[in-house]
Amino acid sequence: MKVNLLKVSKEEIEAEFENLTLAEILRVYLNKDSSVTFAAWRRDHPTKKPILLLKTKGKTAKKAVEDAVKAVTKDLDKAEEDFKKMK
């Protein structure tokens, strides 16, 4: 998956994603973090790639993304484990 970083600072990241699904999943998980003051994506046109904007306070934006990715991975691993237990 390719992510194009458009803007990076200590408390702000703006990134362009290849697909909307990943931008939406990250937005949901980022908004669960109390140090995230703003997380939303926009797409100027349906033919354009989504852009996620993240702003934090008290935690670096990079750390917030890392934490969100870890949480997504943990939940997906749990879902896979539960699926394998199904008969």
PDB file of N, CA and C in Angstrom:
ATOM      1  N   MET A   1       0.834  -1.173   0.000  1.00  0.00           N
ATOM      2  CA  MET A   1       0.000   0.000   0.000  1.00  0.00           C
ATOM      3  C   MET A   1       0.883   1.243   0.000  1.00  0.00           C
ATOM      4  N   LYS A   2       0.522   2.185  -0.796  1.00  0.00           N
ATOM      5  CA  LYS A   2       1.294   3.408  -0.918  1.00  0.00           C
ATOM      6  C   LYS A   2       0.581   4.551  -0.195  1.00  0.00           C
ATOM      7  N   VAL A   3       1.352   5.281   0.622  1.00  0.00           N
ATOM      8  CA  VAL A   3       0.852   6.464   1.310  1.00  0.00           C
ATOM      9  C   VAL A   3       1.768   7.618   0.940  1.00  0.00           C
ATOM     10  N   ASN A   4       1.174   8.692   0.474  1.00  0.00           N
ATOM     11  CA  ASN A   4       1.937   9.872   0.084  1.00  0.00           C
ATOM     12  C   ASN A   4       1.779  10.926   1.184  1.00  0.00           C
ATOM     13  N   LEU A   5       2.851  11.215   1.906  1.00  0.00           N
ATOM     14  CA  LEU A   5       2.801  12.222   2.959  1.00  0.00           C
ATOM     15  C   LEU A   5       2.879  13.606   2.336  1.00  0.00           C
ATOM     16  N   LEU A   6       1.832  14.379   2.539  1.00  0.00           N
ATOM     17  CA  LEU A   6       1.758  15.719   1.963  1.00  0.00           C
ATOM     18  C   LEU A   6       2.289  16.778   2.920  1.00  0.00           C
ATOM     19  N   LYS A   7       2.068  16.546   4.222  1.00  0.00           N
ATOM     20  CA  LYS A   7       2.504  17.497   5.237  1.00  0.00           C
ATOM     21  C   LYS A   7       2.804  16.725   6.512  1.00  0.00           C
ATOM     22  N   VAL A   8       3.955  16.986   7.094  1.00  0.00           N
ATOM     23  CA  VAL A   8       4.330  16.309   8.328  1.00  0.00           C
ATOM     24  C   VAL A   8       4.956  17.322   9.274  1.00  0.00           C
ATOM     25  N   SER A   9       4.385  17.398  10.471  1.00  0.00           N
ATOM     26  CA  SER A   9       4.989  18.186  11.539  1.00  0.00           C
ATOM     27  C   SER A   9       4.786  17.405  12.827  1.00  0.00           C
ATOM     28  N   LYS A  10       5.239  17.947  13.926  1.00  0.00           N
ATOM     29  CA  LYS A  10       5.164  17.226  15.196  1.00  0.00           C
ATOM     30  C   LYS A  10       3.727  16.844  15.549  1.00  0.00           C
ATOM     31  N   GLU A  11       2.800  17.757  15.377  1.00  0.00           N
ATOM     32  CA  GLU A  11       1.423  17.511  15.797  1.00  0.00           C
ATOM     33  C   GLU A  11       0.418  17.457  14.646  1.00  0.00           C
ATOM     34  N   GLU A  12       0.908  17.326  13.425  1.00  0.00           N
ATOM     35  CA  GLU A  12      -0.006  17.285  12.285  1.00  0.00           C
ATOM     36  C   GLU A  12       0.564  16.449  11.153  1.00  0.00           C
ATOM     37  N   ILE A  13      -0.308  15.651  10.558  1.00  0.00           N
ATOM     38  CA  ILE A  13       0.047  14.858   9.379  1.00  0.00           C
ATOM     39  C   ILE A  13      -1.100  14.970   8.383  1.00  0.00           C
ATOM     40  N   GLU A  14      -0.731  15.156   7.131  1.00  0.00           N
ATOM     41  CA  GLU A  14      -1.684  15.112   6.037  1.00  0.00           C
ATOM     42  C   GLU A  14      -1.153  14.087   5.047  1.00  0.00           C
ATOM     43  N   ALA A  15      -1.947  13.044   4.794  1.00  0.00           N
ATOM     44  CA  ALA A  15      -1.470  11.942   3.957  1.00  0.00           C
ATOM     45  C   ALA A  15      -2.526  11.535   2.941  1.00  0.00           C
ATOM     46  N   GLU A  16      -2.051  11.217   1.749  1.00  0.00           N
ATOM     47  CA  GLU A  16      -2.916  10.760   0.669  1.00  0.00           C
ATOM     48  C   GLU A  16      -2.827   9.234   0.588  1.00  0.00           C
ATOM     49  N   PHE A  17      -3.983   8.559   0.574  1.00  0.00           N
ATOM     50  CA  PHE A  17      -4.045   7.104   0.553  1.00  0.00           C
ATOM     51  C   PHE A  17      -4.504   6.599  -0.803  1.00  0.00           C
ATOM     52  N   GLU A  18      -4.173   5.344  -1.078  1.00  0.00           N
ATOM     53  CA  GLU A  18      -4.575   4.709  -2.329  1.00  0.00           C
ATOM     54  C   GLU A  18      -6.069   4.397  -2.350  1.00  0.00           C
ATOM     55  N   ASN A  19      -6.637   4.073  -1.164  1.00  0.00           N
ATOM     56  CA  ASN A  19      -8.058   3.747  -1.144  1.00  0.00           C
ATOM     57  C   ASN A  19      -8.748   4.332   0.077  1.00  0.00           C
ATOM     58  N   LEU A  20     -10.036   4.474  -0.038  1.00  0.00           N
ATOM     59  CA  LEU A  20     -10.850   5.101   0.994  1.00  0.00           C
ATOM     60  C   LEU A  20     -11.003   4.221   2.232  1.00  0.00           C
ATOM     61  N   THR A  21     -11.015   2.924   2.058  1.00  0.00           N
ATOM     62  CA  THR A  21     -11.223   2.011   3.180  1.00  0.00           C
ATOM     63  C   THR A  21     -10.166   2.201   4.256  1.00  0.00           C
ATOM     64  N   LEU A  22      -8.926   2.252   3.874  1.00  0.00           N
ATOM     65  CA  LEU A  22      -7.860   2.419   4.855  1.00  0.00           C
ATOM     66  C   LEU A  22      -7.928   3.781   5.539  1.00  0.00           C
ATOM     67  N   ALA A  23      -8.225   4.810   4.789  1.00  0.00           N
ATOM     68  CA  ALA A  23      -8.356   6.151   5.376  1.00  0.00           C
ATOM     69  C   ALA A  23      -9.477   6.167   6.413  1.00  0.00           C
ATOM     70  N   GLU A  24     -10.583   5.504   6.124  1.00  0.00           N
ATOM     71  CA  GLU A  24     -11.715   5.473   7.053  1.00  0.00           C
ATOM     72  C   GLU A  24     -11.398   4.651   8.300  1.00  0.00           C
ATOM     73  N   ILE A  25     -10.756   3.512   8.131  1.00  0.00           N
ATOM     74  CA  ILE A  25     -10.378   2.692   9.296  1.00  0.00           C
ATOM     75  C   ILE A  25      -9.439   3.470  10.206  1.00  0.00           C
ATOM     76  N   LEU A  26      -8.441   4.116   9.641  1.00  0.00           N
ATOM     77  CA  LEU A  26      -7.518   4.907  10.453  1.00  0.00           C
ATOM     78  C   LEU A  26      -8.241   6.065  11.144  1.00  0.00           C
ATOM     79  N   ARG A  27      -9.149   6.715  10.446  1.00  0.00           N
ATOM     80  CA  ARG A  27      -9.904   7.807  11.042  1.00  0.00           C
ATOM     81  C   ARG A  27     -10.667   7.350  12.274  1.00  0.00           C
ATOM     82  N   VAL A  28     -11.328   6.206  12.163  1.00  0.00           N
ATOM     83  CA  VAL A  28     -12.110   5.678  13.282  1.00  0.00           C
ATOM     84  C   VAL A  28     -11.204   5.387  14.473  1.00  0.00           C
ATOM     85  N   TYR A  29     -10.102   4.711  14.249  1.00  0.00           N
ATOM     86  CA  TYR A  29      -9.196   4.360  15.343  1.00  0.00           C
ATOM     87  C   TYR A  29      -8.485   5.590  15.902  1.00  0.00           C
ATOM     88  N   LEU A  30      -8.126   6.531  15.058  1.00  0.00           N
ATOM     89  CA  LEU A  30      -7.478   7.751  15.539  1.00  0.00           C
ATOM     90  C   LEU A  30      -8.414   8.555  16.433  1.00  0.00           C
ATOM     91  N   ASN A  31      -9.689   8.593  16.089  1.00  0.00           N
ATOM     92  CA  ASN A  31     -10.646   9.362  16.885  1.00  0.00           C
ATOM     93  C   ASN A  31     -10.926   8.734  18.251  1.00  0.00           C
ATOM     94  N   LYS A  32     -10.495   7.507  18.473  1.00  0.00           N
ATOM     95  CA  LYS A  32     -10.613   6.874  19.789  1.00  0.00           C
ATOM     96  C   LYS A  32      -9.506   7.343  20.729  1.00  0.00           C
ATOM     97  N   ASP A  33      -8.462   7.941  20.196  1.00  0.00           N
ATOM     98  CA  ASP A  33      -7.301   8.395  20.959  1.00  0.00           C
ATOM     99  C   ASP A  33      -7.591   9.787  21.538  1.00  0.00           C
ATOM    100  N   SER A  34      -7.463   9.924  22.854  1.00  0.00           N
ATOM    101  CA  SER A  34      -7.786  11.200  23.507  1.00  0.00           C
ATOM    102  C   SER A  34      -6.809  12.320  23.144  1.00  0.00           C
ATOM    103  N   SER A  35      -5.631  11.983  22.655  1.00  0.00           N
ATOM    104  CA  SER A  35      -4.672  13.020  22.264  1.00  0.00           C
ATOM    105  C   SER A  35      -4.911  13.534  20.851  1.00  0.00           C
ATOM    106  N   VAL A  36      -5.811  12.909  20.122  1.00  0.00           N
ATOM    107  CA  VAL A  36      -6.139  13.346  18.766  1.00  0.00           C
ATOM    108  C   VAL A  36      -7.230  14.412  18.855  1.00  0.00           C
ATOM    109  N   THR A  37      -6.909  15.595  18.348  1.00  0.00           N
ATOM    110  CA  THR A  37      -7.887  16.686  18.371  1.00  0.00           C
ATOM    111  C   THR A  37      -8.719  16.741  17.092  1.00  0.00           C
ATOM    112  N   PHE A  38      -8.179  16.169  16.010  1.00  0.00           N
ATOM    113  CA  PHE A  38      -8.901  16.166  14.739  1.00  0.00           C
ATOM    114  C   PHE A  38      -8.364  15.049  13.858  1.00  0.00           C
ATOM    115  N   ALA A  39      -9.266  14.248  13.320  1.00  0.00           N
ATOM    116  CA  ALA A  39      -8.902  13.217  12.348  1.00  0.00           C
ATOM    117  C   ALA A  39     -10.070  13.053  11.392  1.00  0.00           C
ATOM    118  N   ALA A  40      -9.834  13.368  10.143  1.00  0.00           N
ATOM    119  CA  ALA A  40     -10.879  13.252   9.126  1.00  0.00           C
ATOM    120  C   ALA A  40     -10.223  13.113   7.760  1.00  0.00           C
ATOM    121  N   TRP A  41     -10.968  12.541   6.840  1.00  0.00           N
ATOM    122  CA  TRP A  41     -10.472  12.457   5.470  1.00  0.00           C
ATOM    123  C   TRP A  41     -11.392  13.270   4.572  1.00  0.00           C
ATOM    124  N   ARG A  42     -10.839  13.638   3.441  1.00  0.00           N
ATOM    125  CA  ARG A  42     -11.619  14.335   2.425  1.00  0.00           C
ATOM    126  C   ARG A  42     -11.204  13.795   1.061  1.00  0.00           C
ATOM    127  N   ARG A  43     -12.101  13.922   0.148  1.00  0.00           N
ATOM    128  CA  ARG A  43     -11.808  13.531  -1.231  1.00  0.00           C
ATOM    129  C   ARG A  43     -12.465  14.575  -2.104  1.00  0.00           C
ATOM    130  N   ASP A  44     -11.684  15.318  -2.841  1.00  0.00           N
ATOM    131  CA  ASP A  44     -12.199  16.421  -3.646  1.00  0.00           C
ATOM    132  C   ASP A  44     -13.154  15.964  -4.744  1.00  0.00           C
ATOM    133  N   HIS A  45     -12.968  14.739  -5.210  1.00  0.00           N
ATOM    134  CA  HIS A  45     -13.799  14.197  -6.284  1.00  0.00           C
ATOM    135  C   HIS A  45     -13.707  12.674  -6.202  1.00  0.00           C
ATOM    136  N   PRO A  46     -14.761  11.950  -6.562  1.00  0.00           N
ATOM    137  CA  PRO A  46     -14.703  10.490  -6.488  1.00  0.00           C
ATOM    138  C   PRO A  46     -13.542   9.854  -7.255  1.00  0.00           C
ATOM    139  N   THR A  47     -13.008  10.542  -8.240  1.00  0.00           N
ATOM    140  CA  THR A  47     -11.872   9.997  -8.987  1.00  0.00           C
ATOM    141  C   THR A  47     -10.531  10.312  -8.328  1.00  0.00           C
ATOM    142  N   LYS A  48     -10.550  11.128  -7.282  1.00  0.00           N
ATOM    143  CA  LYS A  48      -9.324  11.527  -6.585  1.00  0.00           C
ATOM    144  C   LYS A  48      -9.096  10.631  -5.366  1.00  0.00           C
ATOM    145  N   LYS A  49      -7.866  10.577  -4.911  1.00  0.00           N
ATOM    146  CA  LYS A  49      -7.512   9.779  -3.740  1.00  0.00           C
ATOM    147  C   LYS A  49      -7.901  10.521  -2.466  1.00  0.00           C
ATOM    148  N   PRO A  50      -8.287   9.772  -1.419  1.00  0.00           N
ATOM    149  CA  PRO A  50      -8.647  10.426  -0.151  1.00  0.00           C
ATOM    150  C   PRO A  50      -7.408  10.960   0.570  1.00  0.00           C
ATOM    151  N   ILE A  51      -7.600  12.059   1.269  1.00  0.00           N
ATOM    152  CA  ILE A  51      -6.528  12.683   2.045  1.00  0.00           C
ATOM    153  C   ILE A  51      -6.974  12.728   3.498  1.00  0.00           C
ATOM    154  N   LEU A  52      -6.160  12.153   4.372  1.00  0.00           N
ATOM    155  CA  LEU A  52      -6.443  12.116   5.797  1.00  0.00           C
ATOM    156  C   LEU A  52      -5.671  13.229   6.478  1.00  0.00           C
ATOM    157  N   LEU A  53      -6.371  14.007   7.300  1.00  0.00           N
ATOM    158  CA  LEU A  53      -5.739  15.061   8.082  1.00  0.00           C
ATOM    159  C   LEU A  53      -5.830  14.679   9.542  1.00  0.00           C
ATOM    160  N   LEU A  54      -4.702  14.724  10.231  1.00  0.00           N
ATOM    161  CA  LEU A  54      -4.620  14.357  11.636  1.00  0.00           C
ATOM    162  C   LEU A  54      -3.943  15.469  12.410  1.00  0.00           C
ATOM    163  N   LYS A  55      -4.561  15.868  13.529  1.00  0.00           N
ATOM    164  CA  LYS A  55      -3.969  16.853  14.431  1.00  0.00           C
ATOM    165  C   LYS A  55      -4.018  16.289  15.846  1.00  0.00           C
ATOM    166  N   THR A  56      -2.923  16.471  16.581  1.00  0.00           N
ATOM    167  CA  THR A  56      -2.837  15.939  17.938  1.00  0.00           C
ATOM    168  C   THR A  56      -2.402  17.016  18.915  1.00  0.00           C
ATOM    169  N   LYS A  57      -2.572  16.691  20.193  1.00  0.00           N
ATOM    170  CA  LYS A  57      -2.080  17.550  21.254  1.00  0.00           C
ATOM    171  C   LYS A  57      -1.622  16.641  22.393  1.00  0.00           C
ATOM    172  N   GLY A  58      -0.365  16.766  22.788  1.00  0.00           N
ATOM    173  CA  GLY A  58       0.166  15.946  23.862  1.00  0.00           C
ATOM    174  C   GLY A  58       0.839  14.670  23.398  1.00  0.00           C
ATOM    175  N   LYS A  59       0.730  14.355  22.135  1.00  0.00           N
ATOM    176  CA  LYS A  59       1.358  13.180  21.540  1.00  0.00           C
ATOM    177  C   LYS A  59       1.706  13.551  20.113  1.00  0.00           C
ATOM    178  N   THR A  60       2.819  13.057  19.624  1.00  0.00           N
ATOM    179  CA  THR A  60       3.156  13.370  18.241  1.00  0.00           C
ATOM    180  C   THR A  60       2.165  12.686  17.304  1.00  0.00           C
ATOM    181  N   ALA A  61       1.962  13.278  16.161  1.00  0.00           N
ATOM    182  CA  ALA A  61       1.049  12.712  15.168  1.00  0.00           C
ATOM    183  C   ALA A  61       1.554  11.349  14.702  1.00  0.00           C
ATOM    184  N   LYS A  62       2.860  11.220  14.570  1.00  0.00           N
ATOM    185  CA  LYS A  62       3.438   9.945  14.150  1.00  0.00           C
ATOM    186  C   LYS A  62       3.123   8.851  15.159  1.00  0.00           C
ATOM    187  N   LYS A  63       3.251   9.152  16.447  1.00  0.00           N
ATOM    188  CA  LYS A  63       2.958   8.177  17.504  1.00  0.00           C
ATOM    189  C   LYS A  63       1.471   7.812  17.489  1.00  0.00           C
ATOM    190  N   ALA A  64       0.603   8.774  17.246  1.00  0.00           N
ATOM    191  CA  ALA A  64      -0.838   8.504  17.176  1.00  0.00           C
ATOM    192  C   ALA A  64      -1.150   7.538  16.037  1.00  0.00           C
ATOM    193  N   VAL A  65      -0.517   7.729  14.896  1.00  0.00           N
ATOM    194  CA  VAL A  65      -0.721   6.826  13.762  1.00  0.00           C
ATOM    195  C   VAL A  65      -0.187   5.440  14.101  1.00  0.00           C
ATOM    196  N   GLU A  66       1.002   5.379  14.691  1.00  0.00           N
ATOM    197  CA  GLU A  66       1.574   4.084  15.084  1.00  0.00           C
ATOM    198  C   GLU A  66       0.639   3.346  16.039  1.00  0.00           C
ATOM    199  N   ASP A  67       0.099   4.052  17.020  1.00  0.00           N
ATOM    200  CA  ASP A  67      -0.813   3.437  17.984  1.00  0.00           C
ATOM    201  C   ASP A  67      -2.092   2.950  17.302  1.00  0.00           C
ATOM    202  N   ALA A  68      -2.616   3.732  16.374  1.00  0.00           N
ATOM    203  CA  ALA A  68      -3.835   3.338  15.656  1.00  0.00           C
ATOM    204  C   ALA A  68      -3.581   2.096  14.800  1.00  0.00           C
ATOM    205  N   VAL A  69      -2.448   2.050  14.123  1.00  0.00           N
ATOM    206  CA  VAL A  69      -2.115   0.892  13.288  1.00  0.00           C
ATOM    207  C   VAL A  69      -1.958  -0.355  14.158  1.00  0.00           C
ATOM    208  N   LYS A  70      -1.333  -0.208  15.319  1.00  0.00           N
ATOM    209  CA  LYS A  70      -1.197  -1.349  16.244  1.00  0.00           C
ATOM    210  C   LYS A  70      -2.561  -1.834  16.711  1.00  0.00           C
ATOM    211  N   ALA A  71      -3.474  -0.914  17.006  1.00  0.00           N
ATOM    212  CA  ALA A  71      -4.809  -1.292  17.461  1.00  0.00           C
ATOM    213  C   ALA A  71      -5.583  -2.004  16.352  1.00  0.00           C
ATOM    214  N   VAL A  72      -5.482  -1.514  15.125  1.00  0.00           N
ATOM    215  CA  VAL A  72      -6.136  -2.156  13.987  1.00  0.00           C
ATOM    216  C   VAL A  72      -5.588  -3.571  13.812  1.00  0.00           C
ATOM    217  N   THR A  73      -4.275  -3.702  13.853  1.00  0.00           N
ATOM    218  CA  THR A  73      -3.624  -5.003  13.689  1.00  0.00           C
ATOM    219  C   THR A  73      -4.065  -5.970  14.778  1.00  0.00           C
ATOM    220  N   LYS A  74      -4.117  -5.494  16.005  1.00  0.00           N
ATOM    221  CA  LYS A  74      -4.538  -6.333  17.133  1.00  0.00           C
ATOM    222  C   LYS A  74      -5.975  -6.822  16.931  1.00  0.00           C
ATOM    223  N   ASP A  75      -6.868  -5.922  16.527  1.00  0.00           N
ATOM    224  CA  ASP A  75      -8.261  -6.303  16.302  1.00  0.00           C
ATOM    225  C   ASP A  75      -8.405  -7.279  15.137  1.00  0.00           C
ATOM    226  N   LEU A  76      -7.634  -7.081  14.078  1.00  0.00           N
ATOM    227  CA  LEU A  76      -7.682  -8.004  12.936  1.00  0.00           C
ATOM    228  C   LEU A  76      -7.141  -9.380  13.311  1.00  0.00           C
ATOM    229  N   ASP A  77      -6.071  -9.402  14.105  1.00  0.00           N
ATOM    230  CA  ASP A  77      -5.526 -10.682  14.568  1.00  0.00           C
ATOM    231  C   ASP A  77      -6.543 -11.426  15.427  1.00  0.00           C
ATOM    232  N   LYS A  78      -7.246 -10.689  16.277  1.00  0.00           N
ATOM    233  CA  LYS A  78      -8.276 -11.286  17.134  1.00  0.00           C
ATOM    234  C   LYS A  78      -9.413 -11.831  16.282  1.00  0.00           C
ATOM    235  N   ALA A  79      -9.831 -11.079  15.270  1.00  0.00           N
ATOM    236  CA  ALA A  79     -10.895 -11.536  14.380  1.00  0.00           C
ATOM    237  C   ALA A  79     -10.472 -12.804  13.635  1.00  0.00           C
ATOM    238  N   GLU A  80      -9.234 -12.843  13.185  1.00  0.00           N
ATOM    239  CA  GLU A  80      -8.726 -14.024  12.487  1.00  0.00           C
ATOM    240  C   GLU A  80      -8.701 -15.226  13.424  1.00  0.00           C
ATOM    241  N   GLU A  81      -8.255 -15.015  14.651  1.00  0.00           N
ATOM    242  CA  GLU A  81      -8.209 -16.089  15.645  1.00  0.00           C
ATOM    243  C   GLU A  81      -9.618 -16.620  15.934  1.00  0.00           C
ATOM    244  N   ASP A  82     -10.573 -15.720  16.095  1.00  0.00           N
ATOM    245  CA  ASP A  82     -11.952 -16.115  16.350  1.00  0.00           C
ATOM    246  C   ASP A  82     -12.522 -16.876  15.159  1.00  0.00           C
ATOM    247  N   PHE A  83     -12.197 -16.438  13.954  1.00  0.00           N
ATOM    248  CA  PHE A  83     -12.676 -17.113  12.755  1.00  0.00           C
ATOM    249  C   PHE A  83     -12.142 -18.537  12.656  1.00  0.00           C
ATOM    250  N   LYS A  84     -10.872 -18.722  13.009  1.00  0.00           N
ATOM    251  CA  LYS A  84     -10.259 -20.047  12.950  1.00  0.00           C
ATOM    252  C   LYS A  84     -10.880 -20.987  13.980  1.00  0.00           C
ATOM    253  N   LYS A  85     -11.409 -20.440  15.072  1.00  0.00           N
ATOM    254  CA  LYS A  85     -12.032 -21.272  16.101  1.00  0.00           C
ATOM    255  C   LYS A  85     -13.434 -21.714  15.708  1.00  0.00           C
ATOM    256  N   MET A  86     -14.026 -21.083  14.722  1.00  0.00           N
ATOM    257  CA  MET A  86     -15.378 -21.441  14.282  1.00  0.00           C
ATOM    258  C   MET A  86     -15.366 -22.807  13.630  1.00  0.00           C
ATOM    259  N   LYS A  87     -16.437 -23.530  13.810  1.00  0.00           N
ATOM    260  CA  LYS A  87     -16.526 -24.860  13.199  1.00  0.00           C
ATOM    261  C   LYS A  87     -17.670 -24.944  12.235  1.00  0.00           C
TER     262      LYS A  87
END
